C-alpha atoms as a PDB file:
ATOM      1  CA  UNK A   1      24.837 -15.560  29.327  1.00  0.00           C
ATOM      2  CA  UNK A   2      23.693 -11.969  29.619  1.00  0.00           C
ATOM      3  CA  UNK A   3      21.193 -12.932  32.337  1.00  0.00           C
ATOM      4  CA  UNK A   4      23.887 -14.873  34.178  1.00  0.00           C
ATOM      5  CA  UNK A   5      26.186 -11.837  34.164  1.00  0.00           C
ATOM      6  CA  UNK A   6      23.371  -9.685  35.529  1.00  0.00           C
ATOM      7  CA  UNK A   7      22.728 -12.268  38.263  1.00  0.00           C
ATOM      8  CA  UNK A   8      26.407 -12.419  39.226  1.00  0.00           C
ATOM      9  CA  UNK A   9      26.583  -8.622  39.269  1.00  0.00           C
ATOM     10  CA  UNK A  10      23.569  -8.489  41.585  1.00  0.00           C
ATOM     11  CA  UNK A  11      25.106 -11.080  43.890  1.00  0.00           C
ATOM     12  CA  UNK A  12      28.405  -9.202  44.091  1.00  0.00           C
ATOM     13  CA  UNK A  13      26.556  -5.938  44.732  1.00  0.00           C
ATOM     14  CA  UNK A  14      24.630  -7.538  47.613  1.00  0.00           C
ATOM     15  CA  UNK A  15      27.853  -8.939  49.079  1.00  0.00           C
ATOM     16  CA  UNK A  16      29.539  -5.551  48.798  1.00  0.00           C
ATOM     17  CA  UNK A  17      26.543  -3.845  50.465  1.00  0.00           C
ATOM     18  CA  UNK A  18      26.509  -6.344  53.339  1.00  0.00           C
ATOM     19  CA  UNK A  19      30.266  -5.965  53.797  1.00  0.00           C
ATOM     20  CA  UNK A  20      29.900  -2.190  53.828  1.00  0.00           C
ATOM     21  CA  UNK A  21      27.210  -2.348  56.513  1.00  0.00           C
ATOM     22  CA  UNK A  22      29.222  -4.810  58.583  1.00  0.00           C
ATOM     23  CA  UNK A  23      32.324  -2.627  58.337  1.00  0.00           C
ATOM     24  CA  UNK A  24      30.830   0.768  59.222  1.00  0.00           C
ATOM     25  CA  UNK A  25      33.442   3.015  60.773  1.00  0.00           C
ATOM     26  CA  UNK A  26      32.838   5.398  63.636  1.00  0.00           C
ATOM     27  CA  UNK A  27      33.966   9.010  63.588  1.00  0.00           C
ATOM     28  CA  UNK A  28      33.802   9.531  67.321  1.00  0.00           C
ATOM     29  CA  UNK A  29      34.071   7.511  70.516  1.00  0.00           C
ATOM     30  CA  UNK A  30      32.458   8.743  73.731  1.00  0.00           C
ATOM     31  CA  UNK A  31      32.794   7.337  77.232  1.00  0.00           C
ATOM     32  CA  UNK A  32      29.865   7.808  79.616  1.00  0.00           C
ATOM     33  CA  UNK A  33      29.407   7.428  83.323  1.00  0.00           C
ATOM     34  CA  UNK A  34      26.050   5.711  83.801  1.00  0.00           C
ATOM     35  CA  UNK A  35      24.562   6.118  87.275  1.00  0.00           C
ATOM     36  CA  UNK A  36      21.334   4.535  88.470  1.00  0.00           C
ATOM     37  CA  UNK A  37      19.528   3.522  91.650  1.00  0.00           C
ATOM     38  CA  UNK A  38      19.970  -0.192  92.302  1.00  0.00           C
ATOM     39  CA  UNK A  39      16.698  -1.829  93.300  1.00  0.00           C
ATOM     40  CA  UNK A  40      18.215  -4.416  95.647  1.00  0.00           C
ATOM     41  CA  UNK A  41      20.296  -1.983  97.719  1.00  0.00           C
ATOM     42  CA  UNK A  42      18.394   1.263  96.947  1.00  0.00           C
ATOM     43  CA  UNK A  43      21.782   2.914  96.453  1.00  0.00           C
ATOM     44  CA  UNK A  44      23.287   4.789  93.505  1.00  0.00           C
ATOM     45  CA  UNK A  45      25.684   2.656  91.450  1.00  0.00           C
ATOM     46  CA  UNK A  46      27.971   3.661  88.587  1.00  0.00           C
ATOM     47  CA  UNK A  47      28.975   1.840  85.428  1.00  0.00           C
ATOM     48  CA  UNK A  48      30.932   2.737  82.305  1.00  0.00           C
ATOM     49  CA  UNK A  49      29.454   2.746  78.814  1.00  0.00           C
ATOM     50  CA  UNK A  50      30.899   3.513  75.381  1.00  0.00           C
ATOM     51  CA  UNK A  51      29.330   4.997  72.256  1.00  0.00           C
ATOM     52  CA  UNK A  52      30.842   4.609  68.805  1.00  0.00           C
ATOM     53  CA  UNK A  53      29.088   6.880  66.328  1.00  0.00           C
ATOM     54  CA  UNK A  54      29.093   8.469  62.903  1.00  0.00           C
ATOM     55  CA  UNK A  55      26.468  10.861  61.519  1.00  0.00           C
ATOM     56  CA  UNK A  56      24.430   7.867  60.290  1.00  0.00           C
ATOM     57  CA  UNK A  57      25.016   4.967  62.710  1.00  0.00           C
ATOM     58  CA  UNK A  58      25.961   4.189  66.295  1.00  0.00           C
ATOM     59  CA  UNK A  59      26.818   1.328  68.628  1.00  0.00           C
ATOM     60  CA  UNK A  60      26.425   1.558  72.429  1.00  0.00           C
ATOM     61  CA  UNK A  61      27.933  -1.039  74.754  1.00  0.00           C
ATOM     62  CA  UNK A  62      29.999  -1.906  77.813  1.00  0.00           C
ATOM     63  CA  UNK A  63      33.705  -2.516  77.110  1.00  0.00           C
ATOM     64  CA  UNK A  64      34.124  -5.575  79.341  1.00  0.00           C
ATOM     65  CA  UNK A  65      31.004  -7.167  77.882  1.00  0.00           C
ATOM     66  CA  UNK A  66      32.225  -6.556  74.324  1.00  0.00           C
ATOM     67  CA  UNK A  67      35.589  -8.115  75.193  1.00  0.00           C
ATOM     68  CA  UNK A  68      33.854 -11.133  76.756  1.00  0.00           C
ATOM     69  CA  UNK A  69      31.535 -11.630  73.802  1.00  0.00           C
ATOM     70  CA  UNK A  70      34.293 -11.244  71.212  1.00  0.00           C
ATOM     71  CA  UNK A  71      36.316 -14.004  72.898  1.00  0.00           C
ATOM     72  CA  UNK A  72      33.266 -16.207  73.463  1.00  0.00           C
ATOM     73  CA  UNK A  73      32.395 -16.100  69.764  1.00  0.00           C
ATOM     74  CA  UNK A  74      34.979 -18.818  68.992  1.00  0.00           C
ATOM     75  CA  UNK A  75      35.732 -22.102  70.832  1.00  0.00           C
ATOM     76  CA  UNK A  76      39.388 -21.121  71.275  1.00  0.00           C
ATOM     77  CA  UNK A  77      38.471 -17.709  72.601  1.00  0.00           C
ATOM     78  CA  UNK A  78      35.907 -19.142  74.998  1.00  0.00           C
ATOM     79  CA  UNK A  79      38.532 -21.453  76.484  1.00  0.00           C
ATOM     80  CA  UNK A  80      40.960 -18.559  76.831  1.00  0.00           C
ATOM     81  CA  UNK A  81      38.298 -16.415  78.534  1.00  0.00           C
ATOM     82  CA  UNK A  82      37.493 -19.177  81.038  1.00  0.00           C
ATOM     83  CA  UNK A  83      41.175 -19.485  81.911  1.00  0.00           C
ATOM     84  CA  UNK A  84      41.511 -15.727  82.442  1.00  0.00           C
ATOM     85  CA  UNK A  85      38.414 -15.536  84.645  1.00  0.00           C
ATOM     86  CA  UNK A  86      39.360 -18.596  86.701  1.00  0.00           C
ATOM     87  CA  UNK A  87      42.866 -17.224  87.296  1.00  0.00           C
ATOM     88  CA  UNK A  88      41.517 -13.824  88.333  1.00  0.00           C
ATOM     89  CA  UNK A  89      38.590 -14.935  90.488  1.00  0.00           C
ATOM     90  CA  UNK A  90      39.916 -17.981  92.362  1.00  0.00           C
ATOM     91  CA  UNK A  91      41.763 -17.460  95.630  1.00  0.00           C
ATOM     92  CA  UNK A  92      43.570 -20.265  97.463  1.00  0.00           C
ATOM     93  CA  UNK A  93      43.725 -19.840 101.245  1.00  0.00           C
ATOM     94  CA  UNK A  94      46.603 -21.205 103.396  1.00  0.00           C
ATOM     95  CA  UNK A  95      44.363 -23.954 104.798  1.00  0.00           C
ATOM     96  CA  UNK A  96      43.705 -25.292 101.300  1.00  0.00           C
ATOM     97  CA  UNK A  97      40.324 -23.666 100.854  1.00  0.00           C
ATOM     98  CA  UNK A  98      39.205 -22.120  97.585  1.00  0.00           C
ATOM     99  CA  UNK A  99      36.979 -19.088  97.095  1.00  0.00           C
ATOM    100  CA  UNK A 100      35.554 -17.812  93.819  1.00  0.00           C
ATOM    101  CA  UNK A 101      34.778 -14.086  93.650  1.00  0.00           C
ATOM    102  CA  UNK A 102      33.503 -12.758  90.312  1.00  0.00           C
ATOM    103  CA  UNK A 103      34.138  -9.191  91.448  1.00  0.00           C
ATOM    104  CA  UNK A 104      37.872  -9.765  90.979  1.00  0.00           C
ATOM    105  CA  UNK A 105      37.761 -10.731  87.329  1.00  0.00           C
ATOM    106  CA  UNK A 106      36.589  -9.360  83.966  1.00  0.00           C
ATOM    107  CA  UNK A 107      33.225 -11.091  84.213  1.00  0.00           C
ATOM    108  CA  UNK A 108      30.374  -9.958  81.964  1.00  0.00           C
ATOM    109  CA  UNK A 109      27.730  -8.210  84.062  1.00  0.00           C
ATOM    110  CA  UNK A 110      26.160  -5.888  81.463  1.00  0.00           C
ATOM    111  CA  UNK A 111      24.176  -7.512  78.665  1.00  0.00           C
ATOM    112  CA  UNK A 112      22.690  -4.681  76.639  1.00  0.00           C
ATOM    113  CA  UNK A 113      23.903  -3.488  73.254  1.00  0.00           C
ATOM    114  CA  UNK A 114      22.176  -0.849  71.179  1.00  0.00           C
ATOM    115  CA  UNK A 115      22.660  -0.444  67.434  1.00  0.00           C
ATOM    116  CA  UNK A 116      21.240   2.599  65.649  1.00  0.00           C
ATOM    117  CA  UNK A 117      21.057   3.038  61.888  1.00  0.00           C
ATOM    118  CA  UNK A 118      19.437   6.007  60.178  1.00  0.00           C
ATOM    119  CA  UNK A 119      19.121   4.107  56.899  1.00  0.00           C
ATOM    120  CA  UNK A 120      17.033   1.451  58.655  1.00  0.00           C
ATOM    121  CA  UNK A 121      15.106   4.144  60.564  1.00  0.00           C
ATOM    122  CA  UNK A 122      15.229   2.133  63.774  1.00  0.00           C
ATOM    123  CA  UNK A 123      17.317   1.102  66.740  1.00  0.00           C
ATOM    124  CA  UNK A 124      17.922  -2.505  67.768  1.00  0.00           C
ATOM    125  CA  UNK A 125      18.192  -3.323  71.467  1.00  0.00           C
ATOM    126  CA  UNK A 126      19.867  -6.534  72.691  1.00  0.00           C
ATOM    127  CA  UNK A 127      19.735  -7.581  76.344  1.00  0.00           C
ATOM    128  CA  UNK A 128      19.182 -10.390  78.796  1.00  0.00           C
ATOM    129  CA  UNK A 129      15.659 -10.249  80.184  1.00  0.00           C
ATOM    130  CA  UNK A 130      15.712 -12.431  83.262  1.00  0.00           C
ATOM    131  CA  UNK A 131      17.226 -15.656  81.953  1.00  0.00           C
ATOM    132  CA  UNK A 132      16.273 -15.024  78.304  1.00  0.00           C
ATOM    133  CA  UNK A 133      18.534 -13.367  75.735  1.00  0.00           C
ATOM    134  CA  UNK A 134      16.472 -11.334  73.311  1.00  0.00           C
ATOM    135  CA  UNK A 135      16.261  -8.312  71.053  1.00  0.00           C
ATOM    136  CA  UNK A 136      13.647  -5.919  69.738  1.00  0.00           C
ATOM    137  CA  UNK A 137      13.471  -2.938  67.384  1.00  0.00           C
ATOM    138  CA  UNK A 138      12.118   0.552  67.964  1.00  0.00           C
ATOM    139  CA  UNK A 139      11.245   3.190  65.340  1.00  0.00           C
ATOM    140  CA  UNK A 140      13.838   5.947  65.114  1.00  0.00           C
ATOM    141  CA  UNK A 141      11.492   8.911  65.635  1.00  0.00           C
ATOM    142  CA  UNK A 142       9.742   7.667  68.755  1.00  0.00           C
ATOM    143  CA  UNK A 143      11.204  10.366  71.049  1.00  0.00           C
ATOM    144  CA  UNK A 144       9.626  13.777  70.533  1.00  0.00           C
ATOM    145  CA  UNK A 145      11.983  16.385  72.004  1.00  0.00           C
ATOM    146  CA  UNK A 146      11.121  19.941  73.006  1.00  0.00           C
ATOM    147  CA  UNK A 147      14.028  22.406  73.038  1.00  0.00           C
ATOM    148  CA  UNK A 148      14.505  24.673  76.064  1.00  0.00           C
ATOM    149  CA  UNK A 149      16.479  27.822  76.854  1.00  0.00           C
ATOM    150  CA  UNK A 150      18.679  25.989  79.369  1.00  0.00           C
ATOM    151  CA  UNK A 151      22.357  25.400  78.546  1.00  0.00           C
ATOM    152  CA  UNK A 152      25.315  23.630  80.133  1.00  0.00           C
ATOM    153  CA  UNK A 153      28.961  23.032  79.334  1.00  0.00           C
ATOM    154  CA  UNK A 154      30.059  19.385  79.098  1.00  0.00           C
ATOM    155  CA  UNK A 155      33.637  18.449  78.180  1.00  0.00           C
ATOM    156  CA  UNK A 156      34.126  22.002  76.966  1.00  0.00           C
ATOM    157  CA  UNK A 157      31.161  21.888  74.578  1.00  0.00           C
ATOM    158  CA  UNK A 158      28.268  24.321  74.908  1.00  0.00           C
ATOM    159  CA  UNK A 159      25.151  22.172  75.136  1.00  0.00           C
ATOM    160  CA  UNK A 160      21.456  22.975  74.782  1.00  0.00           C
ATOM    161  CA  UNK A 161      18.854  21.195  76.904  1.00  0.00           C
ATOM    162  CA  UNK A 162      15.852  19.379  75.474  1.00  0.00           C
ATOM    163  CA  UNK A 163      13.059  17.508  77.230  1.00  0.00           C
ATOM    164  CA  UNK A 164      10.860  14.555  76.308  1.00  0.00           C
ATOM    165  CA  UNK A 165       8.575  11.926  77.787  1.00  0.00           C
ATOM    166  CA  UNK A 166       9.774   8.471  76.745  1.00  0.00           C
ATOM    167  CA  UNK A 167       8.338   5.110  77.777  1.00  0.00           C
ATOM    168  CA  UNK A 168       7.056   6.362  81.106  1.00  0.00           C
ATOM    169  CA  UNK A 169       9.922   8.648  82.150  1.00  0.00           C
ATOM    170  CA  UNK A 170      10.579  12.353  81.728  1.00  0.00           C
ATOM    171  CA  UNK A 171      14.043  12.986  80.307  1.00  0.00           C
ATOM    172  CA  UNK A 172      16.242  16.050  80.033  1.00  0.00           C
ATOM    173  CA  UNK A 173      19.157  15.791  77.614  1.00  0.00           C
ATOM    174  CA  UNK A 174      21.967  18.214  76.843  1.00  0.00           C
ATOM    175  CA  UNK A 175      23.276  18.039  73.277  1.00  0.00           C
ATOM    176  CA  UNK A 176      26.186  19.739  71.507  1.00  0.00           C
ATOM    177  CA  UNK A 177      25.222  21.392  68.175  1.00  0.00           C
ATOM    178  CA  UNK A 178      28.951  21.648  67.451  1.00  0.00           C
ATOM    179  CA  UNK A 179      28.972  17.843  67.097  1.00  0.00           C
ATOM    180  CA  UNK A 180      26.327  17.063  64.405  1.00  0.00           C
ATOM    181  CA  UNK A 181      25.748  13.445  65.401  1.00  0.00           C
ATOM    182  CA  UNK A 182      22.112  12.570  66.315  1.00  0.00           C
ATOM    183  CA  UNK A 183      22.944   9.893  68.890  1.00  0.00           C
ATOM    184  CA  UNK A 184      23.645   9.643  72.571  1.00  0.00           C
ATOM    185  CA  UNK A 185      23.838   7.239  75.487  1.00  0.00           C
ATOM    186  CA  UNK A 186      21.418   4.325  75.814  1.00  0.00           C
ATOM    187  CA  UNK A 187      18.387   4.733  73.494  1.00  0.00           C
ATOM    188  CA  UNK A 188      18.448   8.526  73.567  1.00  0.00           C
ATOM    189  CA  UNK A 189      18.635   9.910  70.041  1.00  0.00           C
ATOM    190  CA  UNK A 190      17.173  12.267  67.477  1.00  0.00           C
ATOM    191  CA  UNK A 191      18.576  15.650  68.528  1.00  0.00           C
ATOM    192  CA  UNK A 192      20.632  17.897  66.187  1.00  0.00           C
ATOM    193  CA  UNK A 193      23.840  17.174  68.055  1.00  0.00           C
ATOM    194  CA  UNK A 194      25.560  14.556  70.173  1.00  0.00           C
ATOM    195  CA  UNK A 195      23.934  14.051  73.598  1.00  0.00           C
ATOM    196  CA  UNK A 196      26.657  14.488  76.225  1.00  0.00           C
ATOM    197  CA  UNK A 197      24.471  14.437  79.327  1.00  0.00           C
ATOM    198  CA  UNK A 198      21.002  13.162  80.182  1.00  0.00           C
ATOM    199  CA  UNK A 199      18.907  12.682  83.296  1.00  0.00           C
ATOM    200  CA  UNK A 200      15.577  10.988  83.970  1.00  0.00           C
ATOM    201  CA  UNK A 201      12.993  11.635  86.680  1.00  0.00           C
ATOM    202  CA  UNK A 202      14.136   8.567  88.677  1.00  0.00           C
ATOM    203  CA  UNK A 203      17.866   9.124  89.262  1.00  0.00           C
ATOM    204  CA  UNK A 204      19.158   7.626  86.013  1.00  0.00           C
ATOM    205  CA  UNK A 205      21.921   9.806  84.640  1.00  0.00           C
ATOM    206  CA  UNK A 206      24.461   9.674  81.817  1.00  0.00           C
ATOM    207  CA  UNK A 207      27.454  12.017  81.735  1.00  0.00           C
ATOM    208  CA  UNK A 208      30.135  12.031  79.052  1.00  0.00           C
ATOM    209  CA  UNK A 209      33.570  11.594  80.615  1.00  0.00           C
ATOM    210  CA  UNK A 210      35.726  11.545  77.490  1.00  0.00           C
ATOM    211  CA  UNK A 211      35.449  12.064  73.755  1.00  0.00           C
ATOM    212  CA  UNK A 212      37.871  11.396  70.921  1.00  0.00           C
ATOM    213  CA  UNK A 213      38.003  10.978  67.169  1.00  0.00           C
ATOM    214  CA  UNK A 214      38.311   7.389  65.995  1.00  0.00           C
ATOM    215  CA  UNK A 215      38.110   5.157  62.952  1.00  0.00           C
ATOM    216  CA  UNK A 216      37.126   2.047  64.884  1.00  0.00           C
ATOM    217  CA  UNK A 217      34.818  -0.403  63.184  1.00  0.00           C
ATOM    218  CA  UNK A 218      31.306  -0.653  64.611  1.00  0.00           C
ATOM    219  CA  UNK A 219      31.393  -4.453  64.558  1.00  0.00           C
ATOM    220  CA  UNK A 220      28.004  -6.210  64.344  1.00  0.00           C
ATOM    221  CA  UNK A 221      26.508  -8.185  67.227  1.00  0.00           C
ATOM    222  CA  UNK A 222      28.452 -11.257  68.275  1.00  0.00           C
ATOM    223  CA  UNK A 223      26.454 -14.534  68.189  1.00  0.00           C
ATOM    224  CA  UNK A 224      23.149 -12.891  67.179  1.00  0.00           C
ATOM    225  CA  UNK A 225      21.514 -16.308  66.759  1.00  0.00           C
ATOM    226  CA  UNK A 226      21.644 -16.674  70.556  1.00  0.00           C
ATOM    227  CA  UNK A 227      19.033 -13.902  70.867  1.00  0.00           C
ATOM    228  CA  UNK A 228      15.349 -14.371  70.097  1.00  0.00           C
ATOM    229  CA  UNK A 229      13.100 -11.635  68.764  1.00  0.00           C
ATOM    230  CA  UNK A 230      10.844 -10.205  71.460  1.00  0.00           C
ATOM    231  CA  UNK A 231       8.275  -7.469  72.001  1.00  0.00           C
ATOM    232  CA  UNK A 232       9.599  -4.689  74.244  1.00  0.00           C
ATOM    233  CA  UNK A 233       6.883  -4.620  76.903  1.00  0.00           C
ATOM    234  CA  UNK A 234       6.726  -8.414  77.089  1.00  0.00           C
ATOM    235  CA  UNK A 235      10.498  -8.551  77.519  1.00  0.00           C
ATOM    236  CA  UNK A 236      10.346  -6.088  80.412  1.00  0.00           C
ATOM    237  CA  UNK A 237       7.542  -8.089  82.022  1.00  0.00           C
ATOM    238  CA  UNK A 238       9.733 -11.200  81.865  1.00  0.00           C
ATOM    239  CA  UNK A 239      12.604  -9.264  83.417  1.00  0.00           C
ATOM    240  CA  UNK A 240      10.449  -8.096  86.331  1.00  0.00           C
ATOM    241  CA  UNK A 241       9.128 -11.623  86.905  1.00  0.00           C
ATOM    242  CA  UNK A 242      12.686 -12.966  87.051  1.00  0.00           C
ATOM    243  CA  UNK A 243      13.819 -10.251  89.479  1.00  0.00           C
ATOM    244  CA  UNK A 244      10.990 -11.052  91.894  1.00  0.00           C
ATOM    245  CA  UNK A 245      11.156 -14.840  91.552  1.00  0.00           C
ATOM    246  CA  UNK A 246      14.860 -15.395  90.945  1.00  0.00           C
ATOM    247  CA  UNK A 247      15.522 -17.833  93.763  1.00  0.00           C
ATOM    248  CA  UNK A 248      12.558 -20.041  92.880  1.00  0.00           C
ATOM    249  CA  UNK A 249      13.584 -20.080  89.209  1.00  0.00           C
ATOM    250  CA  UNK A 250      17.195 -20.971  90.052  1.00  0.00           C
ATOM    251  CA  UNK A 251      16.096 -23.696  92.463  1.00  0.00           C
ATOM    252  CA  UNK A 252      13.765 -25.197  89.880  1.00  0.00           C
ATOM    253  CA  UNK A 253      16.550 -25.353  87.305  1.00  0.00           C
ATOM    254  CA  UNK A 254      18.728 -27.297  89.776  1.00  0.00           C
ATOM    255  CA  UNK A 255      15.902 -29.524  91.096  1.00  0.00           C
ATOM    256  CA  UNK A 256      15.857 -27.600  94.357  1.00  0.00           C
ATOM    257  CA  UNK A 257      19.471 -28.400  95.283  1.00  0.00           C
ATOM    258  CA  UNK A 258      20.536 -24.784  95.833  1.00  0.00           C
ATOM    259  CA  UNK A 259      21.267 -22.891  99.035  1.00  0.00           C
ATOM    260  CA  UNK A 260      21.492 -19.098  99.238  1.00  0.00           C
ATOM    261  CA  UNK A 261      23.729 -17.242 101.693  1.00  0.00           C
ATOM    262  CA  UNK A 262      20.939 -14.820 102.610  1.00  0.00           C
ATOM    263  CA  UNK A 263      17.349 -14.959 103.770  1.00  0.00           C
ATOM    264  CA  UNK A 264      15.367 -14.861 100.542  1.00  0.00           C
ATOM    265  CA  UNK A 265      12.285 -13.599 102.385  1.00  0.00           C
ATOM    266  CA  UNK A 266      14.154 -10.404 103.282  1.00  0.00           C
ATOM    267  CA  UNK A 267      15.066  -9.522  99.709  1.00  0.00           C
ATOM    268  CA  UNK A 268      13.113  -6.469  98.472  1.00  0.00           C
ATOM    269  CA  UNK A 269      10.680  -6.650  95.578  1.00  0.00           C
ATOM    270  CA  UNK A 270      11.475  -4.920  92.305  1.00  0.00           C
ATOM    271  CA  UNK A 271       9.284  -1.833  91.929  1.00  0.00           C
ATOM    272  CA  UNK A 272       9.269  -0.652  88.283  1.00  0.00           C
ATOM    273  CA  UNK A 273       7.574   2.635  89.170  1.00  0.00           C
ATOM    274  CA  UNK A 274      10.686   3.551  91.165  1.00  0.00           C
ATOM    275  CA  UNK A 275      13.532   1.733  89.432  1.00  0.00           C
ATOM    276  CA  UNK A 276      12.646   0.868  85.807  1.00  0.00           C
ATOM    277  CA  UNK A 277      13.999   3.014  82.992  1.00  0.00           C
ATOM    278  CA  UNK A 278      10.812   2.231  81.030  1.00  0.00           C
ATOM    279  CA  UNK A 279       7.923   1.658  83.454  1.00  0.00           C
ATOM    280  CA  UNK A 280       5.264   2.071  80.757  1.00  0.00           C
ATOM    281  CA  UNK A 281       5.066  -1.712  80.311  1.00  0.00           C
ATOM    282  CA  UNK A 282       2.980  -1.806  83.502  1.00  0.00           C
ATOM    283  CA  UNK A 283       0.518   0.836  82.308  1.00  0.00           C
END
């Protein structure tokens, strides 16, 4: 009986620990403008990202993607999402024609999520690499920052600049010592203050646009079983292969019965040296 009580106590402790991890609350929510050079148009595009963070954990994501994935996690929600997207994206012309434009609706276009946890001493990166959904882990202390004398003011906070080489790019990040949270946008982490701005050597830039206190839950990944464990460099190789062979892959999946509204021969090739955030997978 004594052993049974000890077993039950252990089980309840494990359940409580799991529940605590799953229900981690954030202390701060930061919105970022993410700008990057698009490889197909060679133009600078902008996208919004959000960081939920506490001193020990963080979650980085795109709001529309999170909304999509939360609905898609249940059959009822998936049906509701399809109805919303169809209503927003379909246009009926006077002659009876129908057009479908995904730019008009809340369609998921961003696939990456990043979870950081100091207790686990790693970050976990989820994304869609070509046509494969996968994830991989990175050790927490992989970025080795060097502090500089440069400063900047972002959202009213005095920030100090630090520099580091990370996965084939040189980064400069501005962090706020007044905010003792060791996280930032994307995978950038490990400084003694929240990173409010960062820039790479190939036109990738993150700039905080808003910051507020919050008690929002950092909910775990929706449908994690849909993602397979991958190795980072292999995942990026698969992504590059898909970018440069997308039409052939799509045609093969539909037995060749696909027509594109552009000349596929004119589409540029993806050059990781110029466009990739982590070009070291080619080295």
